[in-house]
Each structure stands twice: as structure tokens, then as C-alpha cells.
Amino acid sequence: MSKKTVLISIATMLLLLCLFYVFVFNYIVPNAAKISIPYSWRNIPMMQDSSVVNNYLGEGKIDITNKQLEESWLKGIKNQQYKLTIHFSEESKLVVGYKIEYHFEKWYFKKDYLLEEKLISK
């Protein structure tokens, strides 16, 4: 084998490894996370009062940002964590939207994925 053949083989292997890495972390991980969304988060009660949501999901972490009331729930282990954020209207405290995110962390790779988002237009 010549040096040129060895270098081409190594370059090809590195390219295939990079393509596999991109495929796994940009396609496999988010699709597997969508399948694994916690069951109670699959049917968020829209246009319901915050007390109904708290009965359904339990108490969440309340956050008031930009004069919009939000509650958040976290599930999963530290490296693979789901986050549900529910947006409430200011005046009536009804659910007007939600967002489900997934945080994945493995060795040197960290990425947040938006799995699902639904907003009711006003």
C-alpha cells in the first residue's frame, strides 16, 4: 500500500465518522426525544385556567418575564432533560400556549431541541 492510499483511507474514515456524528445528533436524538415525551405532556389543556393545569401536571416553577406569566416543569436526568413551559394570558390566567424542549448533553456535545410548540393567536 502506498502512502496516498493510506491517507485517502484515513480521510474517508474521518469523513464517514463526522457524517455519522451529524446524523445521530441532528436526526436520531431529536426524533427519539419526540417519541419519549412524558405522557402527561402530550395533551396540554389549552384555554383552561391555571388551576386546571396545576391539577393535571402538578405545581410548576412560576416565572414572570416580559409581563407574561409562565410556568415550567422539568423531567428527566441532568444530561437528558425535558422542559415544558406553559404561557398564560395576563388578564384571565388561561393557557394560551406551550413549548416542549429537550436538552441533550453527551461528552463534548450539548444541544437544546425544540420538540413541540403551540400558541393560540390572540
PDB file of N, CA and C in Angstrom:
ATOM      1  N   MET A   1       0.835  -1.193   0.000  1.00  0.00           N
ATOM      2  CA  MET A   1       0.000   0.000   0.000  1.00  0.00           C
ATOM      3  C   MET A   1       0.877   1.253   0.000  1.00  0.00           C
ATOM      4  N   SER A   2       0.496   2.172  -0.798  1.00  0.00           N
ATOM      5  CA  SER A   2       1.251   3.413  -0.853  1.00  0.00           C
ATOM      6  C   SER A   2       0.741   4.389   0.201  1.00  0.00           C
ATOM      7  N   LYS A   3       1.499   5.438   0.435  1.00  0.00           N
ATOM      8  CA  LYS A   3       1.100   6.463   1.415  1.00  0.00           C
ATOM      9  C   LYS A   3      -0.185   7.158   0.984  1.00  0.00           C
ATOM     10  N   LYS A   4      -0.330   7.356  -0.296  1.00  0.00           N
ATOM     11  CA  LYS A   4      -1.514   8.034  -0.821  1.00  0.00           C
ATOM     12  C   LYS A   4      -2.778   7.233  -0.522  1.00  0.00           C
ATOM     13  N   THR A   5      -2.722   5.940  -0.687  1.00  0.00           N
ATOM     14  CA  THR A   5      -3.876   5.072  -0.413  1.00  0.00           C
ATOM     15  C   THR A   5      -4.232   5.090   1.069  1.00  0.00           C
ATOM     16  N   VAL A   6      -3.227   5.059   1.920  1.00  0.00           N
ATOM     17  CA  VAL A   6      -3.457   5.090   3.362  1.00  0.00           C
ATOM     18  C   VAL A   6      -4.095   6.416   3.769  1.00  0.00           C
ATOM     19  N   LEU A   7      -3.580   7.540   3.241  1.00  0.00           N
ATOM     20  CA  LEU A   7      -4.140   8.851   3.573  1.00  0.00           C
ATOM     21  C   LEU A   7      -5.581   8.988   3.080  1.00  0.00           C
ATOM     22  N   ILE A   8      -5.861   8.493   1.902  1.00  0.00           N
ATOM     23  CA  ILE A   8      -7.237   8.539   1.383  1.00  0.00           C
ATOM     24  C   ILE A   8      -8.156   7.683   2.249  1.00  0.00           C
ATOM     25  N   SER A   9      -7.689   6.537   2.681  1.00  0.00           N
ATOM     26  CA  SER A   9      -8.491   5.666   3.555  1.00  0.00           C
ATOM     27  C   SER A   9      -8.788   6.335   4.887  1.00  0.00           C
ATOM     28  N   ILE A  10      -7.781   6.965   5.480  1.00  0.00           N
ATOM     29  CA  ILE A  10      -7.967   7.657   6.760  1.00  0.00           C
ATOM     30  C   ILE A  10      -8.915   8.837   6.601  1.00  0.00           C
ATOM     31  N   ALA A  11      -8.748   9.614   5.527  1.00  0.00           N
ATOM     32  CA  ALA A  11      -9.631  10.758   5.283  1.00  0.00           C
ATOM     33  C   ALA A  11     -11.071  10.301   5.063  1.00  0.00           C
ATOM     34  N   THR A  12     -11.253   9.218   4.350  1.00  0.00           N
ATOM     35  CA  THR A  12     -12.594   8.674   4.116  1.00  0.00           C
ATOM     36  C   THR A  12     -13.230   8.212   5.424  1.00  0.00           C
ATOM     37  N   MET A  13     -12.463   7.547   6.255  1.00  0.00           N
ATOM     38  CA  MET A  13     -12.976   7.089   7.555  1.00  0.00           C
ATOM     39  C   MET A  13     -13.359   8.270   8.441  1.00  0.00           C
ATOM     40  N   LEU A  14     -12.550   9.317   8.464  1.00  0.00           N
ATOM     41  CA  LEU A  14     -12.872  10.510   9.253  1.00  0.00           C
ATOM     42  C   LEU A  14     -14.127  11.200   8.726  1.00  0.00           C
ATOM     43  N   LEU A  15     -14.268  11.282   7.427  1.00  0.00           N
ATOM     44  CA  LEU A  15     -15.453  11.876   6.827  1.00  0.00           C
ATOM     45  C   LEU A  15     -16.701  11.068   7.182  1.00  0.00           C
ATOM     46  N   LEU A  16     -16.623   9.762   7.091  1.00  0.00           N
ATOM     47  CA  LEU A  16     -17.763   8.909   7.452  1.00  0.00           C
ATOM     48  C   LEU A  16     -18.110   9.031   8.934  1.00  0.00           C
ATOM     49  N   LEU A  17     -17.094   9.128   9.770  1.00  0.00           N
ATOM     50  CA  LEU A  17     -17.317   9.304  11.202  1.00  0.00           C
ATOM     51  C   LEU A  17     -18.016  10.628  11.488  1.00  0.00           C
ATOM     52  N   CYS A  18     -17.592  11.691  10.827  1.00  0.00           N
ATOM     53  CA  CYS A  18     -18.230  13.004  11.001  1.00  0.00           C
ATOM     54  C   CYS A  18     -19.676  12.976  10.510  1.00  0.00           C
ATOM     55  N   LEU A  19     -19.913  12.351   9.370  1.00  0.00           N
ATOM     56  CA  LEU A  19     -21.280  12.248   8.848  1.00  0.00           C
ATOM     57  C   LEU A  19     -22.176  11.448   9.787  1.00  0.00           C
ATOM     58  N   PHE A  20     -21.658  10.384  10.368  1.00  0.00           N
ATOM     59  CA  PHE A  20     -22.413   9.588  11.331  1.00  0.00           C
ATOM     60  C   PHE A  20     -22.738  10.422  12.571  1.00  0.00           C
ATOM     61  N   TYR A  21     -21.769  11.177  13.044  1.00  0.00           N
ATOM     62  CA  TYR A  21     -21.949  12.058  14.205  1.00  0.00           C
ATOM     63  C   TYR A  21     -23.065  13.075  13.942  1.00  0.00           C
ATOM     64  N   VAL A  22     -23.016  13.715  12.784  1.00  0.00           N
ATOM     65  CA  VAL A  22     -24.039  14.703  12.411  1.00  0.00           C
ATOM     66  C   VAL A  22     -25.409  14.040  12.303  1.00  0.00           C
ATOM     67  N   PHE A  23     -25.473  12.878  11.692  1.00  0.00           N
ATOM     68  CA  PHE A  23     -26.737  12.162  11.529  1.00  0.00           C
ATOM     69  C   PHE A  23     -27.345  11.796  12.883  1.00  0.00           C
ATOM     70  N   VAL A  24     -26.541  11.287  13.769  1.00  0.00           N
ATOM     71  CA  VAL A  24     -27.052  10.867  15.084  1.00  0.00           C
ATOM     72  C   VAL A  24     -27.565  12.063  15.878  1.00  0.00           C
ATOM     73  N   PHE A  25     -26.781  13.120  15.972  1.00  0.00           N
ATOM     74  CA  PHE A  25     -27.155  14.229  16.850  1.00  0.00           C
ATOM     75  C   PHE A  25     -28.117  15.227  16.212  1.00  0.00           C
ATOM     76  N   ASN A  26     -28.315  15.184  14.911  1.00  0.00           N
ATOM     77  CA  ASN A  26     -29.282  16.077  14.285  1.00  0.00           C
ATOM     78  C   ASN A  26     -30.549  15.377  13.809  1.00  0.00           C
ATOM     79  N   TYR A  27     -30.566  14.061  13.801  1.00  0.00           N
ATOM     80  CA  TYR A  27     -31.756  13.345  13.353  1.00  0.00           C
ATOM     81  C   TYR A  27     -32.235  12.316  14.388  1.00  0.00           C
ATOM     82  N   ILE A  28     -31.379  11.421  14.792  1.00  0.00           N
ATOM     83  CA  ILE A  28     -31.767  10.334  15.700  1.00  0.00           C
ATOM     84  C   ILE A  28     -32.172  10.864  17.077  1.00  0.00           C
ATOM     85  N   VAL A  29     -31.342  11.700  17.691  1.00  0.00           N
ATOM     86  CA  VAL A  29     -31.613  12.192  19.045  1.00  0.00           C
ATOM     87  C   VAL A  29     -32.924  12.973  19.123  1.00  0.00           C
ATOM     88  N   PRO A  30     -33.178  13.975  18.263  1.00  0.00           N
ATOM     89  CA  PRO A  30     -34.445  14.700  18.394  1.00  0.00           C
ATOM     90  C   PRO A  30     -35.675  13.844  18.094  1.00  0.00           C
ATOM     91  N   ASN A  31     -35.575  12.925  17.138  1.00  0.00           N
ATOM     92  CA  ASN A  31     -36.723  12.066  16.852  1.00  0.00           C
ATOM     93  C   ASN A  31     -36.999  11.072  17.977  1.00  0.00           C
ATOM     94  N   ALA A  32     -35.954  10.564  18.594  1.00  0.00           N
ATOM     95  CA  ALA A  32     -36.139   9.685  19.751  1.00  0.00           C
ATOM     96  C   ALA A  32     -36.721  10.464  20.928  1.00  0.00           C
ATOM     97  N   ALA A  33     -36.314  11.718  21.082  1.00  0.00           N
ATOM     98  CA  ALA A  33     -36.844  12.549  22.166  1.00  0.00           C
ATOM     99  C   ALA A  33     -38.326  12.849  21.950  1.00  0.00           C
ATOM    100  N   LYS A  34     -38.740  13.067  20.708  1.00  0.00           N
ATOM    101  CA  LYS A  34     -40.166  13.312  20.425  1.00  0.00           C
ATOM    102  C   LYS A  34     -41.014  12.105  20.791  1.00  0.00           C
ATOM    103  N   ILE A  35     -40.496  10.923  20.545  1.00  0.00           N
ATOM    104  CA  ILE A  35     -41.221   9.698  20.884  1.00  0.00           C
ATOM    105  C   ILE A  35     -41.323   9.531  22.394  1.00  0.00           C
ATOM    106  N   SER A  36     -40.318  10.007  23.125  1.00  0.00           N
ATOM    107  CA  SER A  36     -40.222   9.787  24.571  1.00  0.00           C
ATOM    108  C   SER A  36     -40.762  10.933  25.411  1.00  0.00           C
ATOM    109  N   ILE A  37     -41.518  11.863  24.832  1.00  0.00           N
ATOM    110  CA  ILE A  37     -42.078  12.969  25.613  1.00  0.00           C
ATOM    111  C   ILE A  37     -42.916  12.383  26.751  1.00  0.00           C
ATOM    112  N   PRO A  38     -42.784  12.900  27.979  1.00  0.00           N
ATOM    113  CA  PRO A  38     -43.579  12.389  29.091  1.00  0.00           C
ATOM    114  C   PRO A  38     -45.081  12.362  28.742  1.00  0.00           C
ATOM    115  N   TYR A  39     -45.736  11.284  29.127  1.00  0.00           N
ATOM    116  CA  TYR A  39     -47.115  11.024  28.697  1.00  0.00           C
ATOM    117  C   TYR A  39     -48.083  12.150  29.056  1.00  0.00           C
ATOM    118  N   SER A  40     -47.975  12.685  30.251  1.00  0.00           N
ATOM    119  CA  SER A  40     -48.917  13.728  30.675  1.00  0.00           C
ATOM    120  C   SER A  40     -48.734  15.030  29.894  1.00  0.00           C
ATOM    121  N   TRP A  41     -47.624  15.176  29.198  1.00  0.00           N
ATOM    122  CA  TRP A  41     -47.366  16.390  28.434  1.00  0.00           C
ATOM    123  C   TRP A  41     -47.911  16.314  27.011  1.00  0.00           C
ATOM    124  N   ARG A  42     -48.456  15.180  26.621  1.00  0.00           N
ATOM    125  CA  ARG A  42     -48.934  15.013  25.242  1.00  0.00           C
ATOM    126  C   ARG A  42     -50.251  15.744  24.981  1.00  0.00           C
ATOM    127  N   ASN A  43     -51.042  15.963  26.005  1.00  0.00           N
ATOM    128  CA  ASN A  43     -52.338  16.638  25.854  1.00  0.00           C
ATOM    129  C   ASN A  43     -52.437  17.789  26.849  1.00  0.00           C
ATOM    130  N   ILE A  44     -51.854  18.906  26.514  1.00  0.00           N
ATOM    131  CA  ILE A  44     -51.903  20.077  27.391  1.00  0.00           C
ATOM    132  C   ILE A  44     -53.273  20.728  27.230  1.00  0.00           C
ATOM    133  N   PRO A  45     -53.989  20.976  28.334  1.00  0.00           N
ATOM    134  CA  PRO A  45     -55.320  21.591  28.233  1.00  0.00           C
ATOM    135  C   PRO A  45     -55.232  23.073  27.865  1.00  0.00           C
ATOM    136  N   MET A  46     -55.534  23.391  26.620  1.00  0.00           N
ATOM    137  CA  MET A  46     -55.472  24.773  26.136  1.00  0.00           C
ATOM    138  C   MET A  46     -56.730  25.528  26.558  1.00  0.00           C
ATOM    139  N   MET A  47     -56.586  26.841  26.745  1.00  0.00           N
ATOM    140  CA  MET A  47     -57.672  27.746  27.142  1.00  0.00           C
ATOM    141  C   MET A  47     -58.340  27.306  28.450  1.00  0.00           C
ATOM    142  N   GLN A  48     -57.551  26.721  29.332  1.00  0.00           N
ATOM    143  CA  GLN A  48     -58.030  26.324  30.653  1.00  0.00           C
ATOM    144  C   GLN A  48     -57.351  27.200  31.694  1.00  0.00           C
ATOM    145  N   ASP A  49     -57.962  27.274  32.839  1.00  0.00           N
ATOM    146  CA  ASP A  49     -57.433  28.063  33.952  1.00  0.00           C
ATOM    147  C   ASP A  49     -56.147  27.430  34.487  1.00  0.00           C
ATOM    148  N   SER A  50     -55.314  28.234  35.110  1.00  0.00           N
ATOM    149  CA  SER A  50     -54.052  27.722  35.649  1.00  0.00           C
ATOM    150  C   SER A  50     -54.281  26.666  36.723  1.00  0.00           C
ATOM    151  N   SER A  51     -55.391  26.738  37.454  1.00  0.00           N
ATOM    152  CA  SER A  51     -55.660  25.716  38.481  1.00  0.00           C
ATOM    153  C   SER A  51     -55.927  24.353  37.835  1.00  0.00           C
ATOM    154  N   VAL A  52     -56.563  24.328  36.674  1.00  0.00           N
ATOM    155  CA  VAL A  52     -56.795  23.066  35.961  1.00  0.00           C
ATOM    156  C   VAL A  52     -55.468  22.463  35.512  1.00  0.00           C
ATOM    157  N   VAL A  53     -54.586  23.310  35.011  1.00  0.00           N
ATOM    158  CA  VAL A  53     -53.268  22.847  34.565  1.00  0.00           C
ATOM    159  C   VAL A  53     -52.465  22.316  35.748  1.00  0.00           C
ATOM    160  N   ASN A  54     -52.523  23.009  36.892  1.00  0.00           N
ATOM    161  CA  ASN A  54     -51.787  22.539  38.070  1.00  0.00           C
ATOM    162  C   ASN A  54     -52.359  21.242  38.614  1.00  0.00           C
ATOM    163  N   ASN A  55     -53.663  21.035  38.500  1.00  0.00           N
ATOM    164  CA  ASN A  55     -54.247  19.749  38.887  1.00  0.00           C
ATOM    165  C   ASN A  55     -53.770  18.642  37.959  1.00  0.00           C
ATOM    166  N   TYR A  56     -53.633  18.938  36.684  1.00  0.00           N
ATOM    167  CA  TYR A  56     -53.239  17.946  35.688  1.00  0.00           C
ATOM    168  C   TYR A  56     -51.744  17.631  35.735  1.00  0.00           C
ATOM    169  N   LEU A  57     -50.913  18.667  35.859  1.00  0.00           N
ATOM    170  CA  LEU A  57     -49.460  18.488  35.780  1.00  0.00           C
ATOM    171  C   LEU A  57     -48.732  18.585  37.118  1.00  0.00           C
ATOM    172  N   GLY A  58     -49.387  19.107  38.130  1.00  0.00           N
ATOM    173  CA  GLY A  58     -48.707  19.372  39.393  1.00  0.00           C
ATOM    174  C   GLY A  58     -48.184  20.793  39.403  1.00  0.00           C
ATOM    175  N   GLU A  59     -47.635  21.203  40.519  1.00  0.00           N
ATOM    176  CA  GLU A  59     -47.131  22.575  40.638  1.00  0.00           C
ATOM    177  C   GLU A  59     -45.853  22.736  39.820  1.00  0.00           C
ATOM    178  N   GLY A  60     -45.779  23.825  39.097  1.00  0.00           N
ATOM    179  CA  GLY A  60     -44.591  24.126  38.298  1.00  0.00           C
ATOM    180  C   GLY A  60     -43.840  25.301  38.886  1.00  0.00           C
ATOM    181  N   LYS A  61     -42.730  25.619  38.269  1.00  0.00           N
ATOM    182  CA  LYS A  61     -41.924  26.772  38.677  1.00  0.00           C
ATOM    183  C   LYS A  61     -42.477  28.000  37.961  1.00  0.00           C
ATOM    184  N   ILE A  62     -42.936  28.987  38.726  1.00  0.00           N
ATOM    185  CA  ILE A  62     -43.559  30.183  38.159  1.00  0.00           C
ATOM    186  C   ILE A  62     -42.476  31.190  37.789  1.00  0.00           C
ATOM    187  N   ASP A  63     -42.614  31.754  36.588  1.00  0.00           N
ATOM    188  CA  ASP A  63     -41.659  32.742  36.089  1.00  0.00           C
ATOM    189  C   ASP A  63     -42.433  33.842  35.385  1.00  0.00           C
ATOM    190  N   ILE A  64     -42.205  35.080  35.794  1.00  0.00           N
ATOM    191  CA  ILE A  64     -42.857  36.217  35.149  1.00  0.00           C
ATOM    192  C   ILE A  64     -41.789  36.974  34.368  1.00  0.00           C
ATOM    193  N   THR A  65     -41.870  36.888  33.032  1.00  0.00           N
ATOM    194  CA  THR A  65     -40.923  37.596  32.175  1.00  0.00           C
ATOM    195  C   THR A  65     -41.705  38.387  31.141  1.00  0.00           C
ATOM    196  N   ASN A  66     -41.284  39.605  30.914  1.00  0.00           N
ATOM    197  CA  ASN A  66     -41.930  40.486  29.928  1.00  0.00           C
ATOM    198  C   ASN A  66     -43.438  40.592  30.160  1.00  0.00           C
ATOM    199  N   LYS A  67     -43.829  40.664  31.414  1.00  0.00           N
ATOM    200  CA  LYS A  67     -45.236  40.777  31.807  1.00  0.00           C
ATOM    201  C   LYS A  67     -46.088  39.601  31.325  1.00  0.00           C
ATOM    202  N   GLN A  68     -45.450  38.474  31.067  1.00  0.00           N
ATOM    203  CA  GLN A  68     -46.197  37.283  30.674  1.00  0.00           C
ATOM    204  C   GLN A  68     -45.922  36.195  31.705  1.00  0.00           C
ATOM    205  N   LEU A  69     -46.981  35.606  32.198  1.00  0.00           N
ATOM    206  CA  LEU A  69     -46.865  34.573  33.219  1.00  0.00           C
ATOM    207  C   LEU A  69     -46.540  33.243  32.555  1.00  0.00           C
ATOM    208  N   GLU A  70     -45.530  32.575  33.060  1.00  0.00           N
ATOM    209  CA  GLU A  70     -45.122  31.270  32.556  1.00  0.00           C
ATOM    210  C   GLU A  70     -44.911  30.325  33.728  1.00  0.00           C
ATOM    211  N   GLU A  71     -45.180  29.056  33.491  1.00  0.00           N
ATOM    212  CA  GLU A  71     -44.830  28.013  34.451  1.00  0.00           C
ATOM    213  C   GLU A  71     -44.015  26.977  33.725  1.00  0.00           C
ATOM    214  N   SER A  72     -43.041  26.394  34.428  1.00  0.00           N
ATOM    215  CA  SER A  72     -42.137  25.420  33.821  1.00  0.00           C
ATOM    216  C   SER A  72     -42.104  24.137  34.638  1.00  0.00           C
ATOM    217  N   TRP A  73     -41.950  23.026  33.942  1.00  0.00           N
ATOM    218  CA  TRP A  73     -41.785  21.718  34.555  1.00  0.00           C
ATOM    219  C   TRP A  73     -40.577  21.056  33.916  1.00  0.00           C
ATOM    220  N   LEU A  74     -39.792  20.352  34.730  1.00  0.00           N
ATOM    221  CA  LEU A  74     -38.624  19.619  34.248  1.00  0.00           C
ATOM    222  C   LEU A  74     -38.798  18.140  34.554  1.00  0.00           C
ATOM    223  N   LYS A  75     -38.406  17.288  33.614  1.00  0.00           N
ATOM    224  CA  LYS A  75     -38.398  15.839  33.836  1.00  0.00           C
ATOM    225  C   LYS A  75     -37.182  15.251  33.156  1.00  0.00           C
ATOM    226  N   GLY A  76     -36.663  14.190  33.738  1.00  0.00           N
ATOM    227  CA  GLY A  76     -35.520  13.501  33.156  1.00  0.00           C
ATOM    228  C   GLY A  76     -34.265  13.701  33.989  1.00  0.00           C
ATOM    229  N   ILE A  77     -33.217  13.023  33.562  1.00  0.00           N
ATOM    230  CA  ILE A  77     -31.940  13.160  34.246  1.00  0.00           C
ATOM    231  C   ILE A  77     -31.211  14.395  33.732  1.00  0.00           C
ATOM    232  N   LYS A  78     -30.143  14.765  34.400  1.00  0.00           N
ATOM    233  CA  LYS A  78     -29.443  16.019  34.105  1.00  0.00           C
ATOM    234  C   LYS A  78     -28.998  16.105  32.639  1.00  0.00           C
ATOM    235  N   ASN A  79     -28.472  15.042  32.088  1.00  0.00           N
ATOM    236  CA  ASN A  79     -27.934  15.072  30.724  1.00  0.00           C
ATOM    237  C   ASN A  79     -28.997  14.937  29.647  1.00  0.00           C
ATOM    238  N   GLN A  80     -30.172  14.485  30.024  1.00  0.00           N
ATOM    239  CA  GLN A  80     -31.254  14.283  29.060  1.00  0.00           C
ATOM    240  C   GLN A  80     -32.542  14.775  29.709  1.00  0.00           C
ATOM    241  N   GLN A  81     -32.794  16.061  29.614  1.00  0.00           N
ATOM    242  CA  GLN A  81     -33.869  16.665  30.376  1.00  0.00           C
ATOM    243  C   GLN A  81     -34.903  17.332  29.469  1.00  0.00           C
ATOM    244  N   TYR A  82     -36.174  17.052  29.776  1.00  0.00           N
ATOM    245  CA  TYR A  82     -37.287  17.687  29.085  1.00  0.00           C
ATOM    246  C   TYR A  82     -37.735  18.902  29.885  1.00  0.00           C
ATOM    247  N   LYS A  83     -38.172  19.949  29.183  1.00  0.00           N
ATOM    248  CA  LYS A  83     -38.688  21.141  29.845  1.00  0.00           C
ATOM    249  C   LYS A  83     -39.986  21.556  29.159  1.00  0.00           C
ATOM    250  N   LEU A  84     -41.042  21.644  29.946  1.00  0.00           N
ATOM    251  CA  LEU A  84     -42.332  22.118  29.463  1.00  0.00           C
ATOM    252  C   LEU A  84     -42.541  23.514  30.007  1.00  0.00           C
ATOM    253  N   THR A  85     -42.823  24.468  29.126  1.00  0.00           N
ATOM    254  CA  THR A  85     -43.128  25.835  29.521  1.00  0.00           C
ATOM    255  C   THR A  85     -44.521  26.163  29.020  1.00  0.00           C
ATOM    256  N   ILE A  86     -45.391  26.561  29.943  1.00  0.00           N
ATOM    257  CA  ILE A  86     -46.760  26.924  29.581  1.00  0.00           C
ATOM    258  C   ILE A  86     -46.913  28.424  29.755  1.00  0.00           C
ATOM    259  N   HIS A  87     -47.478  29.071  28.744  1.00  0.00           N
ATOM    260  CA  HIS A  87     -47.708  30.516  28.749  1.00  0.00           C
ATOM    261  C   HIS A  87     -49.173  30.776  29.095  1.00  0.00           C
ATOM    262  N   PHE A  88     -49.400  31.686  30.047  1.00  0.00           N
ATOM    263  CA  PHE A  88     -50.749  32.073  30.457  1.00  0.00           C
ATOM    264  C   PHE A  88     -51.017  33.506  30.007  1.00  0.00           C
ATOM    265  N   SER A  89     -52.287  33.813  29.732  1.00  0.00           N
ATOM    266  CA  SER A  89     -52.653  35.188  29.387  1.00  0.00           C
ATOM    267  C   SER A  89     -52.573  36.049  30.642  1.00  0.00           C
ATOM    268  N   GLU A  90     -52.331  37.331  30.455  1.00  0.00           N
ATOM    269  CA  GLU A  90     -52.149  38.238  31.588  1.00  0.00           C
ATOM    270  C   GLU A  90     -53.437  38.439  32.378  1.00  0.00           C
ATOM    271  N   GLU A  91     -54.518  38.704  31.672  1.00  0.00           N
ATOM    272  CA  GLU A  91     -55.749  39.098  32.358  1.00  0.00           C
ATOM    273  C   GLU A  91     -56.559  37.919  32.898  1.00  0.00           C
ATOM    274  N   SER A  92     -56.679  36.840  32.145  1.00  0.00           N
ATOM    275  CA  SER A  92     -57.579  35.766  32.567  1.00  0.00           C
ATOM    276  C   SER A  92     -56.866  34.534  33.108  1.00  0.00           C
ATOM    277  N   LYS A  93     -55.562  34.489  33.038  1.00  0.00           N
ATOM    278  CA  LYS A  93     -54.754  33.348  33.509  1.00  0.00           C
ATOM    279  C   LYS A  93     -55.145  32.045  32.818  1.00  0.00           C
ATOM    280  N   LEU A  94     -55.507  32.142  31.533  1.00  0.00           N
ATOM    281  CA  LEU A  94     -55.811  30.956  30.737  1.00  0.00           C
ATOM    282  C   LEU A  94     -54.577  30.548  29.939  1.00  0.00           C
ATOM    283  N   VAL A  95     -54.474  29.252  29.653  1.00  0.00           N
ATOM    284  CA  VAL A  95     -53.354  28.747  28.867  1.00  0.00           C
ATOM    285  C   VAL A  95     -53.497  29.239  27.428  1.00  0.00           C
ATOM    286  N   VAL A  96     -52.478  29.945  26.942  1.00  0.00           N
ATOM    287  CA  VAL A  96     -52.506  30.433  25.562  1.00  0.00           C
ATOM    288  C   VAL A  96     -51.418  29.782  24.702  1.00  0.00           C
ATOM    289  N   GLY A  97     -50.557  29.006  25.305  1.00  0.00           N
ATOM    290  CA  GLY A  97     -49.532  28.329  24.525  1.00  0.00           C
ATOM    291  C   GLY A  97     -48.598  27.515  25.401  1.00  0.00           C
ATOM    292  N   TYR A  98     -47.848  26.648  24.756  1.00  0.00           N
ATOM    293  CA  TYR A  98     -46.857  25.859  25.480  1.00  0.00           C
ATOM    294  C   TYR A  98     -45.698  25.518  24.550  1.00  0.00           C
ATOM    295  N   LYS A  99     -44.602  25.106  25.163  1.00  0.00           N
ATOM    296  CA  LYS A  99     -43.399  24.747  24.432  1.00  0.00           C
ATOM    297  C   LYS A  99     -42.730  23.593  25.165  1.00  0.00           C
ATOM    298  N   ILE A 100     -42.341  22.559  24.422  1.00  0.00           N
ATOM    299  CA  ILE A 100     -41.616  21.427  24.996  1.00  0.00           C
ATOM    300  C   ILE A 100     -40.224  21.411  24.382  1.00  0.00           C
ATOM    301  N   GLU A 101     -39.218  21.492  25.256  1.00  0.00           N
ATOM    302  CA  GLU A 101     -37.824  21.494  24.820  1.00  0.00           C
ATOM    303  C   GLU A 101     -37.107  20.283  25.404  1.00  0.00           C
ATOM    304  N   TYR A 102     -36.016  19.897  24.763  1.00  0.00           N
ATOM    305  CA  TYR A 102     -35.226  18.762  25.204  1.00  0.00           C
ATOM    306  C   TYR A 102     -33.760  19.179  25.231  1.00  0.00           C
ATOM    307  N   HIS A 103     -33.111  18.970  26.354  1.00  0.00           N
ATOM    308  CA  HIS A 103     -31.683  19.280  26.497  1.00  0.00           C
ATOM    309  C   HIS A 103     -30.920  17.959  26.501  1.00  0.00           C
ATOM    310  N   PHE A 104     -29.961  17.842  25.578  1.00  0.00           N
ATOM    311  CA  PHE A 104     -29.144  16.635  25.476  1.00  0.00           C
ATOM    312  C   PHE A 104     -27.689  17.015  25.643  1.00  0.00           C
ATOM    313  N   GLU A 105     -27.003  16.248  26.468  1.00  0.00           N
ATOM    314  CA  GLU A 105     -25.588  16.520  26.741  1.00  0.00           C
ATOM    315  C   GLU A 105     -24.845  15.199  26.815  1.00  0.00           C
ATOM    316  N   LYS A 106     -23.809  15.063  25.993  1.00  0.00           N
ATOM    317  CA  LYS A 106     -23.017  13.840  25.972  1.00  0.00           C
ATOM    318  C   LYS A 106     -21.588  14.204  25.614  1.00  0.00           C
ATOM    319  N   TRP A 107     -20.652  13.891  26.469  1.00  0.00           N
ATOM    320  CA  TRP A 107     -19.243  14.212  26.295  1.00  0.00           C
ATOM    321  C   TRP A 107     -19.068  15.677  25.922  1.00  0.00           C
ATOM    322  N   TYR A 108     -18.639  15.960  24.710  1.00  0.00           N
ATOM    323  CA  TYR A 108     -18.398  17.341  24.294  1.00  0.00           C
ATOM    324  C   TYR A 108     -19.599  17.949  23.570  1.00  0.00           C
ATOM    325  N   PHE A 109     -20.663  17.218  23.466  1.00  0.00           N
ATOM    326  CA  PHE A 109     -21.813  17.656  22.681  1.00  0.00           C
ATOM    327  C   PHE A 109     -22.932  18.114  23.607  1.00  0.00           C
ATOM    328  N   LYS A 110     -23.412  19.346  23.409  1.00  0.00           N
ATOM    329  CA  LYS A 110     -24.536  19.885  24.162  1.00  0.00           C
ATOM    330  C   LYS A 110     -25.467  20.557  23.166  1.00  0.00           C
ATOM    331  N   LYS A 111     -26.751  20.230  23.256  1.00  0.00           N
ATOM    332  CA  LYS A 111     -27.680  20.859  22.329  1.00  0.00           C
ATOM    333  C   LYS A 111     -29.074  20.867  22.934  1.00  0.00           C
ATOM    334  N   ASP A 112     -29.820  21.945  22.646  1.00  0.00           N
ATOM    335  CA  ASP A 112     -31.219  22.060  23.048  1.00  0.00           C
ATOM    336  C   ASP A 112     -32.081  21.931  21.799  1.00  0.00           C
ATOM    337  N   TYR A 113     -33.101  21.096  21.895  1.00  0.00           N
ATOM    338  CA  TYR A 113     -34.002  20.857  20.778  1.00  0.00           C
ATOM    339  C   TYR A 113     -35.390  21.376  21.140  1.00  0.00           C
ATOM    340  N   LEU A 114     -36.065  22.020  20.207  1.00  0.00           N
ATOM    341  CA  LEU A 114     -37.462  22.399  20.368  1.00  0.00           C
ATOM    342  C   LEU A 114     -38.288  21.271  19.773  1.00  0.00           C
ATOM    343  N   LEU A 115     -39.001  20.525  20.637  1.00  0.00           N
ATOM    344  CA  LEU A 115     -39.743  19.361  20.172  1.00  0.00           C
ATOM    345  C   LEU A 115     -41.152  19.711  19.716  1.00  0.00           C
ATOM    346  N   GLU A 116     -41.789  20.624  20.441  1.00  0.00           N
ATOM    347  CA  GLU A 116     -43.175  20.947  20.114  1.00  0.00           C
ATOM    348  C   GLU A 116     -43.476  22.343  20.650  1.00  0.00           C
ATOM    349  N   GLU A 117     -44.250  23.096  19.892  1.00  0.00           N
ATOM    350  CA  GLU A 117     -44.660  24.423  20.323  1.00  0.00           C
ATOM    351  C   GLU A 117     -46.033  24.700  19.747  1.00  0.00           C
ATOM    352  N   LYS A 118     -46.890  25.240  20.611  1.00  0.00           N
ATOM    353  CA  LYS A 118     -48.242  25.575  20.162  1.00  0.00           C
ATOM    354  C   LYS A 118     -48.648  26.884  20.830  1.00  0.00           C
ATOM    355  N   LEU A 119     -49.096  27.836  20.025  1.00  0.00           N
ATOM    356  CA  LEU A 119     -49.543  29.121  20.529  1.00  0.00           C
ATOM    357  C   LEU A 119     -50.922  29.421  19.935  1.00  0.00           C
ATOM    358  N   ILE A 120     -51.793  29.970  20.756  1.00  0.00           N
ATOM    359  CA  ILE A 120     -53.091  30.405  20.281  1.00  0.00           C
ATOM    360  C   ILE A 120     -52.984  31.885  19.945  1.00  0.00           C
ATOM    361  N   SER A 121     -53.319  32.235  18.731  1.00  0.00           N
ATOM    362  CA  SER A 121     -53.234  33.645  18.345  1.00  0.00           C
ATOM    363  C   SER A 121     -54.360  34.421  19.016  1.00  0.00           C
ATOM    364  N   LYS A 122     -54.039  35.638  19.415  1.00  0.00           N
ATOM    365  CA  LYS A 122     -54.991  36.448  20.162  1.00  0.00           C
ATOM    366  C   LYS A 122     -55.932  37.173  19.241  1.00  0.00           C
TER     367      LYS A 122
END
